[in-house]
């Protein structure tokens, strides 16, 4: 496919997303099934155009003066890809398989329009209804924080120290030019250009042998800051695919026990193959059918409960840019209710002086600081560990990390702008002895 044909296909997919109100991944998959002539490079290129347009949907619509699929894609080419009106006109020329040629009005907007006077939610490319929530957390910097959340995420890997060291992975993945992550002592980062296809890490021998796992640096840090120690009894209460379970198993050096659970066994499905590959031997997976009784047997025995809570996912917009346009106020209310229930449910598991590591991939205070304050209000036997103490798990990086992250009385908030990670909040709550 020509670059122009890819643009036309991207506009078609964007229109499908808008009319059907469904995830971009579903629309892209259906387009691929209906256009089998398109090779993997074409599909990756179209997906890149679609996701970049969704990242910059609000600002692109502001530039073009309208929010049609065609308009926002054209605006994205200027805003995100840095193309001028002439370069865009060469791609959008009305030739066979290309989008119709630029109109005079479109060319004028592409040549002269800018973001002067745009409100913060447009500059930051997030839904207008979320602006008060962003303002409460970020104040006058909310547009800059939103802009960073709209950028493309790098590909981060976690070294499984049960199988080797970072130097081993660097050598094994040399062709991908990995770099050390900024904060995580166990992380590697592969930077990707705007149009680059993600490398097939799943096919790399280092991945197949369990030396590396795909995990954002922020997620790695959340697992590290949770503070699981060798020999402890740990419950991962919302384990999902097991990313943080695996990270803690390595930190615990296969000593002690981790009970990985989730309310939905479908989310747990990937954990079994990942455990086999990782060499972790201190993990028991508890399925929803047996969670109630089996966790009841652990009451009063647990040192650490990790709650990677269900949330709005506002901190993960770099990876799911279409999700931010589907989120509604009702979803936030539901997530806040679920988080409180999970937090309360964790209390009975803990022994005296036990800890809860509360984690979200959200940047909203309602799911983070406010949730912690409400929990301590309901359970005065718990206190919040000082964020500076929590950060000591990072060793020599701790001081600079606390200067970079947004620190509050309730915990630490990472964001792409501040820490160059996904948005993650972590609070460590300790029960009195």
Protein backbone atom coordinates (compact mmCIF):
# COMPACT_ATOMS: atom_id res chain seq x y z
CA UNK A 1 0.00 0.00 0.00
CA UNK A 2 1.12 3.55 -0.71
CA UNK A 3 1.39 6.08 2.13
CA UNK A 4 -1.70 7.79 0.71
CA UNK A 5 -3.66 4.53 0.72
CA UNK A 6 -2.72 3.98 4.36
CA UNK A 7 -4.13 7.43 5.18
CA UNK A 8 -7.40 6.55 3.47
CA UNK A 9 -7.57 3.28 5.38
CA UNK A 10 -6.88 5.05 8.68
CA UNK A 11 -9.74 7.48 8.01
CA UNK A 12 -12.01 4.49 7.33
CA UNK A 13 -11.02 2.85 10.63
CA UNK A 14 -11.46 6.09 12.57
CA UNK A 15 -14.96 6.46 11.15
CA UNK A 16 -15.76 2.91 12.23
CA UNK A 17 -14.51 3.61 15.76
CA UNK A 18 -16.67 6.71 15.95
CA UNK A 19 -19.87 5.18 14.62
CA UNK A 20 -19.59 1.85 16.41
CA UNK A 21 -18.09 3.28 19.63
CA UNK A 22 -15.77 0.35 20.04
CA UNK A 23 -12.08 -0.13 20.91
CA UNK A 24 -9.57 0.79 18.23
CA UNK A 25 -8.03 -2.70 18.38
CA UNK A 26 -11.36 -4.27 17.40
CA UNK A 27 -11.86 -1.88 14.49
CA UNK A 28 -8.31 -2.43 13.24
CA UNK A 29 -8.67 -6.20 13.47
CA UNK A 30 -11.90 -6.15 11.47
CA UNK A 31 -10.37 -3.89 8.84
CA UNK A 32 -7.43 -6.28 8.50
CA UNK A 33 -9.73 -9.29 8.09
CA UNK A 34 -11.61 -7.46 5.36
CA UNK A 35 -8.45 -6.34 3.56
CA UNK A 36 -6.20 -9.38 3.56
CA UNK A 37 -4.04 -7.93 0.80
CA UNK A 38 -2.56 -5.54 3.36
CA UNK A 39 0.75 -6.82 4.69
CA UNK A 40 1.94 -6.65 8.27
CA UNK A 41 3.85 -3.45 7.57
CA UNK A 42 0.72 -1.84 6.12
CA UNK A 43 -1.39 -2.90 9.09
CA UNK A 44 1.20 -1.58 11.52
CA UNK A 45 1.41 1.71 9.61
CA UNK A 46 -2.36 2.14 9.61
CA UNK A 47 -2.55 1.29 13.30
CA UNK A 48 0.12 3.90 14.02
CA UNK A 49 -1.87 6.56 12.15
CA UNK A 50 -5.08 5.62 13.97
CA UNK A 51 -3.53 5.60 17.44
CA UNK A 52 -1.63 8.84 16.86
CA UNK A 53 -4.85 10.49 15.71
CA UNK A 54 -6.64 9.30 18.83
CA UNK A 55 -3.77 10.58 20.97
CA UNK A 56 -4.18 14.08 19.54
CA UNK A 57 -7.88 14.07 18.75
CA UNK A 58 -8.87 17.20 20.67
CA UNK A 59 -5.96 19.37 19.57
CA UNK A 60 -6.19 18.17 15.96
CA UNK A 61 -9.90 19.00 15.86
CA UNK A 62 -9.13 22.45 17.27
CA UNK A 63 -6.52 23.04 14.56
CA UNK A 64 -8.87 21.98 11.76
CA UNK A 65 -12.03 23.56 13.15
CA UNK A 66 -13.97 20.29 13.01
CA UNK A 67 -13.82 16.80 14.50
CA UNK A 68 -14.54 14.49 11.56
CA UNK A 69 -12.27 11.45 11.13
CA UNK A 70 -10.64 13.10 8.11
CA UNK A 71 -10.13 16.41 9.91
CA UNK A 72 -8.54 14.95 13.01
CA UNK A 73 -6.20 12.77 10.95
CA UNK A 74 -5.08 15.78 8.91
CA UNK A 75 -4.57 17.78 12.08
CA UNK A 76 -2.57 14.93 13.58
CA UNK A 77 -0.22 14.90 10.59
CA UNK A 78 0.63 18.50 11.41
CA UNK A 79 0.48 18.27 15.20
CA UNK A 80 2.11 14.88 15.81
CA UNK A 81 4.02 14.00 12.64
CA UNK A 82 5.24 17.55 11.97
CA UNK A 83 4.18 17.71 8.31
CA UNK A 84 3.43 21.08 6.70
CA UNK A 85 0.52 21.81 4.36
CA UNK A 86 2.53 21.06 1.21
CA UNK A 87 3.72 17.69 2.49
CA UNK A 88 0.19 16.73 3.52
CA UNK A 89 -1.16 17.84 0.14
CA UNK A 90 1.21 15.45 -1.61
CA UNK A 91 -0.28 12.57 0.39
CA UNK A 92 -3.90 13.73 0.23
CA UNK A 93 -4.10 14.35 -3.52
CA UNK A 94 -7.23 12.54 -4.71
CA UNK A 95 -5.28 9.97 -6.72
CA UNK A 96 -6.27 6.31 -6.83
CA UNK A 97 -6.65 4.85 -3.31
CA UNK A 98 -5.73 8.22 -1.74
CA UNK A 99 -8.10 10.45 0.24
CA UNK A 100 -9.77 13.26 -1.73
CA UNK A 101 -7.51 16.25 -2.33
CA UNK A 102 -7.27 18.99 0.28
CA UNK A 103 -9.89 21.69 0.08
CA UNK A 104 -8.87 25.33 0.13
CA UNK A 105 -10.22 25.60 3.68
CA UNK A 106 -8.22 22.58 4.85
CA UNK A 107 -5.04 23.89 3.28
CA UNK A 108 -5.59 27.24 4.93
CA UNK A 109 -6.11 25.66 8.36
CA UNK A 110 -3.04 23.47 7.96
CA UNK A 111 -0.98 26.47 6.96
CA UNK A 112 -2.15 29.04 9.48
CA UNK A 113 -4.04 27.50 12.41
CA UNK A 114 -2.34 26.95 15.75
CA UNK A 115 -3.33 26.20 19.33
CA UNK A 116 -3.29 29.80 20.54
CA UNK A 117 -6.15 30.30 22.97
CA UNK A 118 -6.95 26.60 23.27
CA UNK A 119 -8.21 25.53 26.73
CA UNK A 120 -6.17 23.09 28.84
CA UNK A 121 -8.18 20.01 27.88
CA UNK A 122 -7.51 20.70 24.21
CA UNK A 123 -3.82 21.39 24.72
CA UNK A 124 -3.58 18.23 26.83
CA UNK A 125 -5.82 16.13 24.59
CA UNK A 126 -8.15 14.75 27.25
CA UNK A 127 -11.96 14.85 27.65
CA UNK A 128 -13.34 18.21 28.77
CA UNK A 129 -15.33 16.69 31.64
CA UNK A 130 -12.07 15.51 33.22
CA UNK A 131 -10.55 19.01 33.34
CA UNK A 132 -11.64 19.75 36.95
CA UNK A 133 -10.19 16.41 38.05
CA UNK A 134 -6.87 17.13 36.32
CA UNK A 135 -6.85 20.64 37.77
CA UNK A 136 -7.14 19.25 41.31
CA UNK A 137 -4.04 17.12 40.80
CA UNK A 138 -1.87 19.14 38.44
CA UNK A 139 -3.16 22.72 38.65
CA UNK A 140 -1.78 24.98 35.93
CA UNK A 141 0.42 22.15 34.62
CA UNK A 142 -2.47 19.92 33.63
CA UNK A 143 -2.15 20.63 29.90
CA UNK A 144 1.51 19.60 29.96
CA UNK A 145 0.67 16.45 31.92
CA UNK A 146 -2.08 15.59 29.44
CA UNK A 147 0.26 16.16 26.51
CA UNK A 148 2.76 13.71 27.98
CA UNK A 149 -0.02 11.16 28.58
CA UNK A 150 -0.87 11.50 24.88
CA UNK A 151 2.63 10.62 23.70
CA UNK A 152 3.62 7.21 22.40
CA UNK A 153 4.99 4.90 25.06
CA UNK A 154 8.36 3.19 24.69
CA UNK A 155 8.70 -0.57 25.01
CA UNK A 156 9.95 -1.46 28.49
CA UNK A 157 11.24 -4.83 29.60
CA UNK A 158 11.86 -6.20 33.09
CA UNK A 159 14.84 -8.44 33.67
CA UNK A 160 13.89 -11.61 35.52
CA UNK A 161 16.68 -11.87 38.07
CA UNK A 162 15.78 -15.51 38.65
CA UNK A 163 17.20 -16.17 35.19
CA UNK A 164 19.97 -13.58 34.73
CA UNK A 165 21.12 -9.98 34.93
CA UNK A 166 20.59 -6.85 32.83
CA UNK A 167 23.92 -7.32 31.12
CA UNK A 168 22.79 -10.76 29.92
CA UNK A 169 19.64 -9.26 28.43
CA UNK A 170 21.52 -6.37 26.83
CA UNK A 171 23.72 -8.86 25.03
CA UNK A 172 20.80 -11.10 24.02
CA UNK A 173 18.75 -8.17 22.69
CA UNK A 174 21.62 -6.22 21.17
CA UNK A 175 19.91 -5.81 17.78
CA UNK A 176 17.02 -3.93 19.44
CA UNK A 177 19.38 -1.32 20.97
CA UNK A 178 17.96 -1.50 24.51
CA UNK A 179 18.95 1.08 27.11
CA UNK A 180 18.86 1.03 30.90
CA UNK A 181 15.68 2.45 32.38
CA UNK A 182 15.96 5.63 34.39
CA UNK A 183 14.70 4.35 37.73
CA UNK A 184 14.16 0.60 37.76
CA UNK A 185 17.33 -1.38 38.47
CA UNK A 186 15.83 -4.29 36.55
CA UNK A 187 14.52 -2.49 33.47
CA UNK A 188 15.47 -2.01 29.82
CA UNK A 189 13.88 0.39 27.38
CA UNK A 190 13.51 0.14 23.61
CA UNK A 191 12.62 3.51 22.11
CA UNK A 192 10.25 3.58 19.15
CA UNK A 193 9.75 6.24 16.52
CA UNK A 194 6.25 7.49 15.66
CA UNK A 195 5.82 5.15 12.70
CA UNK A 196 7.92 2.24 13.94
CA UNK A 197 6.49 -1.22 14.26
CA UNK A 198 6.92 -2.73 17.72
CA UNK A 199 9.61 -5.44 17.66
CA UNK A 200 8.52 -9.04 18.05
CA UNK A 201 9.91 -9.43 21.56
CA UNK A 202 7.71 -12.48 22.14
CA UNK A 203 9.79 -14.33 19.54
CA UNK A 204 13.15 -13.43 21.08
CA UNK A 205 15.05 -16.29 22.81
CA UNK A 206 15.54 -14.02 25.84
CA UNK A 207 11.76 -13.79 26.21
CA UNK A 208 11.04 -17.44 25.46
CA UNK A 209 13.59 -18.51 28.08
CA UNK A 210 12.10 -16.20 30.70
CA UNK A 211 15.00 -13.74 30.96
CA UNK A 212 12.80 -10.76 30.12
CA UNK A 213 9.14 -9.82 30.51
CA UNK A 214 7.31 -6.91 28.88
CA UNK A 215 6.42 -4.49 31.68
CA UNK A 216 6.29 -0.70 31.83
CA UNK A 217 8.90 0.83 34.11
CA UNK A 218 6.17 2.37 36.25
CA UNK A 219 4.65 -1.05 36.85
CA UNK A 220 8.09 -2.42 37.70
CA UNK A 221 8.56 0.39 40.22
CA UNK A 222 5.15 -0.21 41.79
CA UNK A 223 6.08 -3.85 42.42
CA UNK A 224 9.48 -2.83 43.78
CA UNK A 225 8.11 -0.11 46.06
CA UNK A 226 5.54 -2.53 47.47
CA UNK A 227 8.47 -3.93 49.41
CA UNK A 228 7.92 -7.69 49.27
CA UNK A 229 10.79 -9.43 51.09
CA UNK A 230 12.20 -12.96 50.85
CA UNK A 231 10.38 -15.32 53.17
CA UNK A 232 7.19 -13.26 53.49
CA UNK A 233 3.61 -14.33 52.88
CA UNK A 234 2.12 -12.13 50.15
CA UNK A 235 -1.27 -11.90 48.47
CA UNK A 236 -1.59 -10.27 45.04
CA UNK A 237 -5.30 -9.56 45.25
CA UNK A 238 -5.85 -8.29 41.68
CA UNK A 239 -3.15 -10.27 39.92
CA UNK A 240 -4.55 -10.21 36.39
CA UNK A 241 -1.93 -11.49 33.95
CA UNK A 242 0.63 -11.65 36.73
CA UNK A 243 3.12 -8.90 35.86
CA UNK A 244 3.60 -7.68 39.42
CA UNK A 245 3.33 -11.22 40.83
CA UNK A 246 6.30 -12.26 38.70
CA UNK A 247 8.25 -9.14 39.66
CA UNK A 248 7.68 -9.80 43.36
CA UNK A 249 8.60 -13.48 43.01
CA UNK A 250 12.00 -12.42 41.66
CA UNK A 251 12.44 -9.79 44.38
CA UNK A 252 11.63 -12.45 46.99
CA UNK A 253 14.25 -14.77 45.43
CA UNK A 254 11.70 -17.61 45.31
CA UNK A 255 11.51 -17.57 49.12
CA UNK A 256 8.23 -17.28 51.00
CA UNK A 257 4.87 -17.51 49.25
CA UNK A 258 2.77 -15.40 46.90
CA UNK A 259 -0.94 -16.13 46.47
CA UNK A 260 -2.04 -14.69 43.12
CA UNK A 261 -5.79 -14.14 42.86
CA UNK A 262 -8.31 -12.23 40.81
CA UNK A 263 -12.08 -12.02 40.65
CA UNK A 264 -12.05 -12.90 36.94
CA UNK A 265 -10.30 -16.11 35.93
CA UNK A 266 -10.07 -14.84 32.34
CA UNK A 267 -7.67 -12.15 33.49
CA UNK A 268 -5.61 -14.80 35.26
CA UNK A 269 -5.30 -16.98 32.16
CA UNK A 270 -1.88 -15.70 30.96
CA UNK A 271 -0.22 -16.11 34.36
CA UNK A 272 0.29 -19.87 34.10
CA UNK A 273 2.51 -19.81 31.01
CA UNK A 274 4.38 -16.79 32.35
CA UNK A 275 5.08 -18.58 35.62
CA UNK A 276 6.41 -21.63 33.79
CA UNK A 277 8.70 -19.45 31.71
CA UNK A 278 9.91 -17.37 34.66
CA UNK A 279 11.17 -20.10 36.96
CA UNK A 280 9.14 -18.69 39.86
CA UNK A 281 8.42 -21.46 42.37
CA UNK A 282 6.85 -19.51 45.23
CA UNK A 283 3.53 -18.62 43.59
CA UNK A 284 0.15 -20.27 44.08
CA UNK A 285 -2.61 -19.19 41.70
CA UNK A 286 -6.07 -19.13 43.30
CA UNK A 287 -8.96 -19.10 40.86
CA UNK A 288 -12.26 -17.28 41.55
CA UNK A 289 -14.04 -20.54 42.30
CA UNK A 290 -11.92 -21.06 45.39
CA UNK A 291 -10.93 -17.54 46.38
CA UNK A 292 -13.49 -17.12 49.13
CA UNK A 293 -12.67 -20.22 51.18
CA UNK A 294 -8.97 -20.43 50.48
CA UNK A 295 -8.24 -16.80 51.24
CA UNK A 296 -10.29 -17.10 54.41
CA UNK A 297 -7.75 -19.69 55.55
CA UNK A 298 -5.05 -17.02 55.22
CA UNK A 299 -6.75 -14.55 57.57
CA UNK A 300 -4.29 -12.95 59.96
CA UNK A 301 -1.28 -14.64 58.31
CA UNK A 302 -0.28 -12.27 55.53
CA UNK A 303 2.64 -9.83 55.63
CA UNK A 304 1.75 -7.90 52.48
CA UNK A 305 -1.35 -7.53 50.34
CA UNK A 306 -0.75 -5.95 46.95
CA UNK A 307 -3.84 -4.32 45.49
CA UNK A 308 -3.31 -3.35 41.85
CA UNK A 309 -6.79 -1.89 41.90
CA UNK A 310 -9.26 -1.75 39.01
CA UNK A 311 -9.30 1.88 37.93
CA UNK A 312 -10.09 4.28 35.09
CA UNK A 313 -6.68 3.67 33.53
CA UNK A 314 -6.01 7.39 33.02
CA UNK A 315 -2.32 6.75 33.66
CA UNK A 316 -2.10 4.23 30.80
CA UNK A 317 -3.43 6.48 28.02
CA UNK A 318 -0.10 6.29 26.19
CA UNK A 319 -0.84 2.62 25.52
CA UNK A 320 -4.62 2.90 25.15
CA UNK A 321 -5.28 6.32 23.59
CA UNK A 322 -8.79 5.40 22.48
CA UNK A 323 -9.81 4.53 26.05
CA UNK A 324 -9.70 8.15 27.20
CA UNK A 325 -12.46 9.12 24.77
CA UNK A 326 -14.70 6.25 25.93
CA UNK A 327 -14.44 6.88 29.66
CA UNK A 328 -17.53 8.35 31.34
CA UNK A 329 -18.16 9.85 34.82
CA UNK A 330 -20.17 6.79 35.81
CA UNK A 331 -17.11 4.59 35.28
CA UNK A 332 -15.11 6.67 37.76
CA UNK A 333 -17.83 6.36 40.37
CA UNK A 334 -17.99 2.59 39.90
CA UNK A 335 -14.23 2.17 40.14
CA UNK A 336 -14.04 4.23 43.34
CA UNK A 337 -16.69 1.99 44.91
CA UNK A 338 -14.86 -1.18 43.84
CA UNK A 339 -11.53 0.09 45.15
CA UNK A 340 -12.99 0.82 48.59
CA UNK A 341 -14.50 -2.66 48.77
CA UNK A 342 -11.21 -4.33 47.82
CA UNK A 343 -9.25 -2.28 50.33
CA UNK A 344 -11.67 -3.15 53.12
CA UNK A 345 -11.58 -6.80 52.13
CA UNK A 346 -7.80 -6.94 52.46
CA UNK A 347 -7.78 -5.98 56.13
CA UNK A 348 -8.72 -9.37 57.55
CA UNK A 349 -5.83 -11.07 55.73
CA UNK A 350 -3.11 -9.10 57.47
CA UNK A 351 -1.16 -10.01 60.55
CA UNK A 352 -0.26 -7.25 63.04
CA UNK A 353 2.16 -4.80 61.38
CA UNK A 354 1.14 -6.18 57.98
CA UNK A 355 1.05 -3.87 54.97
CA UNK A 356 -1.22 -3.04 52.08
CA UNK A 357 0.45 -1.76 48.92
CA UNK A 358 -2.31 0.14 47.12
CA UNK A 359 -1.56 0.74 43.44
CA UNK A 360 -3.52 2.26 40.56
CA UNK A 361 -2.65 3.18 36.99
CA UNK A 362 -4.71 6.36 37.46
CA UNK A 363 -3.71 9.99 37.95
CA UNK A 364 -7.03 11.03 39.50
CA UNK A 365 -7.08 11.93 43.20
CA UNK A 366 -10.50 10.30 43.64
CA UNK A 367 -8.87 6.92 43.00
CA UNK A 368 -5.59 7.70 44.74
CA UNK A 369 -5.13 10.12 47.64
CA UNK A 370 -8.81 10.48 48.42
CA UNK A 371 -9.23 6.71 48.41
CA UNK A 372 -6.35 6.32 50.88
CA UNK A 373 -7.67 9.08 53.16
CA UNK A 374 -11.09 7.46 53.22
CA UNK A 375 -9.61 4.05 54.01
CA UNK A 376 -7.57 5.35 56.94
CA UNK A 377 -10.69 7.13 58.17
CA UNK A 378 -12.56 3.81 58.20
CA UNK A 379 -9.58 1.89 59.61
CA UNK A 380 -7.68 4.08 62.06
CA UNK A 381 -5.40 1.16 62.95
CA UNK A 382 -3.64 1.83 59.63
CA UNK A 383 -1.14 4.57 58.92
CA UNK A 384 0.44 5.72 55.67
CA UNK A 385 4.14 5.04 55.27
CA UNK A 386 6.06 8.21 54.43
CA UNK A 387 6.70 8.33 50.67
CA UNK A 388 10.37 9.03 51.28
CA UNK A 389 10.65 5.80 53.26
CA UNK A 390 8.81 3.86 50.56
CA UNK A 391 11.17 5.21 47.89
CA UNK A 392 14.22 3.87 49.74
CA UNK A 393 13.61 0.60 47.93
CA UNK A 394 15.21 2.35 44.92
CA UNK A 395 18.52 2.76 46.71
CA UNK A 396 20.68 5.55 45.32
CA UNK A 397 17.88 6.57 42.94
CA UNK A 398 15.43 7.25 45.77
CA UNK A 399 16.17 10.94 46.34
CA UNK A 400 15.95 11.95 42.69
CA UNK A 401 12.83 9.83 42.25
CA UNK A 402 11.01 11.64 45.05
CA UNK A 403 12.01 14.93 43.44
CA UNK A 404 10.60 13.80 40.10
CA UNK A 405 7.37 12.11 41.25
CA UNK A 406 4.41 13.99 42.67
CA UNK A 407 4.61 13.33 46.41
CA UNK A 408 1.64 13.72 48.74
CA UNK A 409 0.80 12.69 52.26
CA UNK A 410 -0.87 9.59 50.84
CA UNK A 411 1.75 8.31 48.41
CA UNK A 412 3.75 8.74 45.22
CA UNK A 413 2.34 9.54 41.78
CA UNK A 414 4.37 8.79 38.66
CA UNK A 415 3.46 10.35 35.32
CA UNK A 416 5.02 10.33 31.84
CA UNK A 417 5.97 13.99 32.21
CA UNK A 418 7.55 13.64 35.63
CA UNK A 419 9.08 10.18 35.66
CA UNK A 420 8.93 9.10 31.99
CA UNK A 421 6.76 6.13 32.96
CA UNK A 422 3.08 5.36 32.69
CA UNK A 423 0.96 7.06 35.33
CA UNK A 424 1.07 5.00 38.53
CA UNK A 425 0.13 5.80 42.11
CA UNK A 426 1.40 3.78 45.06
CA UNK A 427 0.63 4.07 48.76
CA UNK A 428 1.93 1.77 51.48
CA UNK A 429 -0.45 1.33 54.43
CA UNK A 430 0.79 -0.34 57.60
CA UNK A 431 -1.35 -1.92 60.26
CA UNK A 432 -0.43 -1.14 63.84
CA UNK A 433 1.28 -3.95 65.71
